[in-house]
Amino acid sequence: MDANELREKTPDQLREALASLKKEQFNLRFQAATGQLENPAQMRIARRNAARVLTILNEKAAAAATAE
């Protein structure tokens, strides 16, 4: 997920993306707990993507607050 791609999305689309990333994180944690996780780096990638989406959402909220 590229930050420039995320900046083009609306806040609602970003919230949907965040929800799907949180579900992915949950599934990866579940796989890790049951010993079925093949690539542990996926957990790190999912966590960073979620953080990236949150950062963009916060940037958009701050821009909206200063514009008003």
N, C-alpha and C. Protein backbone atom coordinates (compact mmCIF):
# COMPACT_ATOMS: atom_id res chain seq x y z
N MET A 1 0.84 -1.17 0.00
CA MET A 1 0.00 0.00 0.00
C MET A 1 0.89 1.24 0.00
N ASP A 2 0.71 2.08 -0.98
CA ASP A 2 1.52 3.28 -1.12
C ASP A 2 0.79 4.45 -0.47
N ALA A 3 1.52 5.33 0.20
CA ALA A 3 0.91 6.48 0.87
C ALA A 3 0.24 7.41 -0.13
N ASN A 4 0.80 7.53 -1.33
CA ASN A 4 0.18 8.39 -2.32
C ASN A 4 -1.17 7.85 -2.77
N GLU A 5 -1.29 6.54 -2.86
CA GLU A 5 -2.58 5.92 -3.19
C GLU A 5 -3.60 6.23 -2.10
N LEU A 6 -3.15 6.15 -0.87
CA LEU A 6 -4.06 6.36 0.26
C LEU A 6 -4.53 7.81 0.33
N ARG A 7 -3.67 8.74 -0.03
CA ARG A 7 -4.05 10.16 0.04
C ARG A 7 -5.15 10.50 -0.96
N GLU A 8 -5.27 9.70 -2.02
CA GLU A 8 -6.31 9.94 -3.03
C GLU A 8 -7.67 9.44 -2.58
N LYS A 9 -7.72 8.61 -1.56
CA LYS A 9 -8.97 8.03 -1.10
C LYS A 9 -9.70 8.98 -0.15
N THR A 10 -11.01 8.78 -0.05
CA THR A 10 -11.82 9.56 0.87
C THR A 10 -11.67 8.99 2.28
N PRO A 11 -12.03 9.78 3.29
CA PRO A 11 -11.95 9.26 4.66
C PRO A 11 -12.78 7.99 4.88
N ASP A 12 -13.93 7.90 4.23
CA ASP A 12 -14.74 6.68 4.38
C ASP A 12 -14.04 5.47 3.79
N GLN A 13 -13.41 5.64 2.65
CA GLN A 13 -12.67 4.55 2.04
C GLN A 13 -11.49 4.15 2.92
N LEU A 14 -10.85 5.13 3.54
CA LEU A 14 -9.73 4.84 4.43
C LEU A 14 -10.19 4.07 5.67
N ARG A 15 -11.36 4.42 6.19
CA ARG A 15 -11.88 3.69 7.35
C ARG A 15 -12.20 2.25 6.99
N GLU A 16 -12.72 2.02 5.79
CA GLU A 16 -12.98 0.66 5.33
C GLU A 16 -11.68 -0.12 5.19
N ALA A 17 -10.66 0.53 4.64
CA ALA A 17 -9.36 -0.11 4.49
C ALA A 17 -8.78 -0.45 5.86
N LEU A 18 -8.95 0.46 6.81
CA LEU A 18 -8.44 0.22 8.16
C LEU A 18 -9.15 -0.98 8.80
N ALA A 19 -10.45 -1.07 8.61
CA ALA A 19 -11.20 -2.19 9.17
C ALA A 19 -10.72 -3.52 8.57
N SER A 20 -10.48 -3.53 7.28
CA SER A 20 -10.01 -4.78 6.66
C SER A 20 -8.60 -5.12 7.12
N LEU A 21 -7.76 -4.11 7.33
CA LEU A 21 -6.41 -4.37 7.84
C LEU A 21 -6.45 -4.90 9.27
N LYS A 22 -7.36 -4.38 10.08
CA LYS A 22 -7.49 -4.87 11.45
C LYS A 22 -7.94 -6.33 11.45
N LYS A 23 -8.85 -6.69 10.53
CA LYS A 23 -9.28 -8.08 10.41
C LYS A 23 -8.12 -8.97 9.99
N GLU A 24 -7.32 -8.46 9.06
CA GLU A 24 -6.15 -9.22 8.61
C GLU A 24 -5.18 -9.43 9.76
N GLN A 25 -4.96 -8.39 10.58
CA GLN A 25 -4.08 -8.52 11.74
C GLN A 25 -4.60 -9.59 12.69
N PHE A 26 -5.90 -9.58 12.92
CA PHE A 26 -6.50 -10.57 13.81
C PHE A 26 -6.26 -11.98 13.27
N ASN A 27 -6.53 -12.17 11.98
CA ASN A 27 -6.34 -13.49 11.39
C ASN A 27 -4.89 -13.94 11.46
N LEU A 28 -3.96 -13.01 11.25
CA LEU A 28 -2.55 -13.36 11.34
C LEU A 28 -2.15 -13.73 12.76
N ARG A 29 -2.68 -13.00 13.74
CA ARG A 29 -2.39 -13.33 15.14
C ARG A 29 -2.94 -14.72 15.48
N PHE A 30 -4.13 -15.00 14.97
CA PHE A 30 -4.75 -16.30 15.21
C PHE A 30 -3.90 -17.42 14.59
N GLN A 31 -3.43 -17.19 13.36
CA GLN A 31 -2.58 -18.18 12.71
C GLN A 31 -1.28 -18.38 13.48
N ALA A 32 -0.72 -17.30 14.00
CA ALA A 32 0.52 -17.39 14.76
C ALA A 32 0.30 -18.20 16.04
N ALA A 33 -0.84 -17.97 16.68
CA ALA A 33 -1.12 -18.67 17.93
C ALA A 33 -1.34 -20.17 17.71
N THR A 34 -1.87 -20.54 16.57
CA THR A 34 -2.12 -21.95 16.29
C THR A 34 -0.97 -22.61 15.55
N GLY A 35 0.08 -21.84 15.26
CA GLY A 35 1.25 -22.39 14.60
C GLY A 35 1.09 -22.57 13.11
N GLN A 36 0.13 -21.90 12.50
CA GLN A 36 -0.11 -22.05 11.07
C GLN A 36 0.46 -20.92 10.23
N LEU A 37 1.06 -19.93 10.88
CA LEU A 37 1.59 -18.77 10.16
C LEU A 37 2.88 -19.16 9.46
N GLU A 38 2.90 -19.01 8.14
CA GLU A 38 4.07 -19.40 7.36
C GLU A 38 5.11 -18.29 7.29
N ASN A 39 4.65 -17.04 7.20
CA ASN A 39 5.57 -15.92 7.05
C ASN A 39 5.30 -14.90 8.16
N PRO A 40 6.08 -14.90 9.23
CA PRO A 40 5.85 -13.98 10.34
C PRO A 40 5.99 -12.50 9.95
N ALA A 41 6.67 -12.22 8.85
CA ALA A 41 6.83 -10.83 8.42
C ALA A 41 5.50 -10.22 7.99
N GLN A 42 4.53 -11.06 7.67
CA GLN A 42 3.21 -10.55 7.28
C GLN A 42 2.57 -9.75 8.41
N MET A 43 2.82 -10.15 9.65
CA MET A 43 2.25 -9.44 10.80
C MET A 43 2.80 -8.02 10.84
N ARG A 44 4.08 -7.88 10.62
CA ARG A 44 4.72 -6.55 10.63
C ARG A 44 4.18 -5.69 9.50
N ILE A 45 4.02 -6.27 8.32
CA ILE A 45 3.52 -5.53 7.17
C ILE A 45 2.09 -5.05 7.41
N ALA A 46 1.25 -5.92 7.95
CA ALA A 46 -0.14 -5.56 8.23
C ALA A 46 -0.21 -4.44 9.26
N ARG A 47 0.63 -4.54 10.29
CA ARG A 47 0.65 -3.51 11.34
C ARG A 47 1.08 -2.16 10.78
N ARG A 48 2.10 -2.18 9.92
CA ARG A 48 2.59 -0.93 9.33
C ARG A 48 1.58 -0.32 8.36
N ASN A 49 0.88 -1.17 7.60
CA ASN A 49 -0.14 -0.66 6.69
C ASN A 49 -1.28 -0.01 7.46
N ALA A 50 -1.68 -0.61 8.57
CA ALA A 50 -2.73 -0.02 9.41
C ALA A 50 -2.26 1.33 9.97
N ALA A 51 -1.03 1.40 10.40
CA ALA A 51 -0.49 2.66 10.92
C ALA A 51 -0.43 3.71 9.82
N ARG A 52 -0.10 3.29 8.61
CA ARG A 52 -0.04 4.22 7.48
C ARG A 52 -1.43 4.80 7.19
N VAL A 53 -2.46 3.95 7.23
CA VAL A 53 -3.83 4.42 7.00
C VAL A 53 -4.24 5.39 8.10
N LEU A 54 -3.92 5.07 9.34
CA LEU A 54 -4.26 5.97 10.45
C LEU A 54 -3.57 7.32 10.32
N THR A 55 -2.33 7.30 9.88
CA THR A 55 -1.59 8.55 9.69
C THR A 55 -2.26 9.42 8.64
N ILE A 56 -2.66 8.82 7.53
CA ILE A 56 -3.31 9.58 6.46
C ILE A 56 -4.66 10.12 6.95
N LEU A 57 -5.40 9.32 7.71
CA LEU A 57 -6.68 9.79 8.27
C LEU A 57 -6.46 10.98 9.19
N ASN A 58 -5.43 10.92 10.02
CA ASN A 58 -5.13 12.03 10.92
C ASN A 58 -4.70 13.27 10.15
N GLU A 59 -3.95 13.09 9.07
CA GLU A 59 -3.55 14.23 8.24
C GLU A 59 -4.77 14.90 7.63
N LYS A 60 -5.69 14.09 7.13
CA LYS A 60 -6.90 14.64 6.52
C LYS A 60 -7.76 15.37 7.55
N ALA A 61 -7.84 14.81 8.77
CA ALA A 61 -8.62 15.46 9.82
C ALA A 61 -7.99 16.79 10.22
N ALA A 62 -6.67 16.83 10.31
CA ALA A 62 -5.98 18.08 10.67
C ALA A 62 -6.14 19.11 9.58
N ALA A 63 -6.09 18.68 8.33
CA ALA A 63 -6.26 19.62 7.20
C ALA A 63 -7.68 20.18 7.18
N ALA A 64 -8.65 19.34 7.50
CA ALA A 64 -10.04 19.80 7.55
C ALA A 64 -10.27 20.78 8.69
N ALA A 65 -9.58 20.54 9.82
CA ALA A 65 -9.75 21.41 10.98
C ALA A 65 -9.12 22.78 10.73
N THR A 66 -8.01 22.84 10.02
CA THR A 66 -7.37 24.12 9.76
C THR A 66 -8.05 24.87 8.62
N ALA A 67 -8.74 24.16 7.76
CA ALA A 67 -9.42 24.80 6.64
C ALA A 67 -10.68 25.53 7.09
N GLU A 68 -11.24 25.10 8.21
CA GLU A 68 -12.50 25.71 8.68
C GLU A 68 -12.26 26.92 9.49
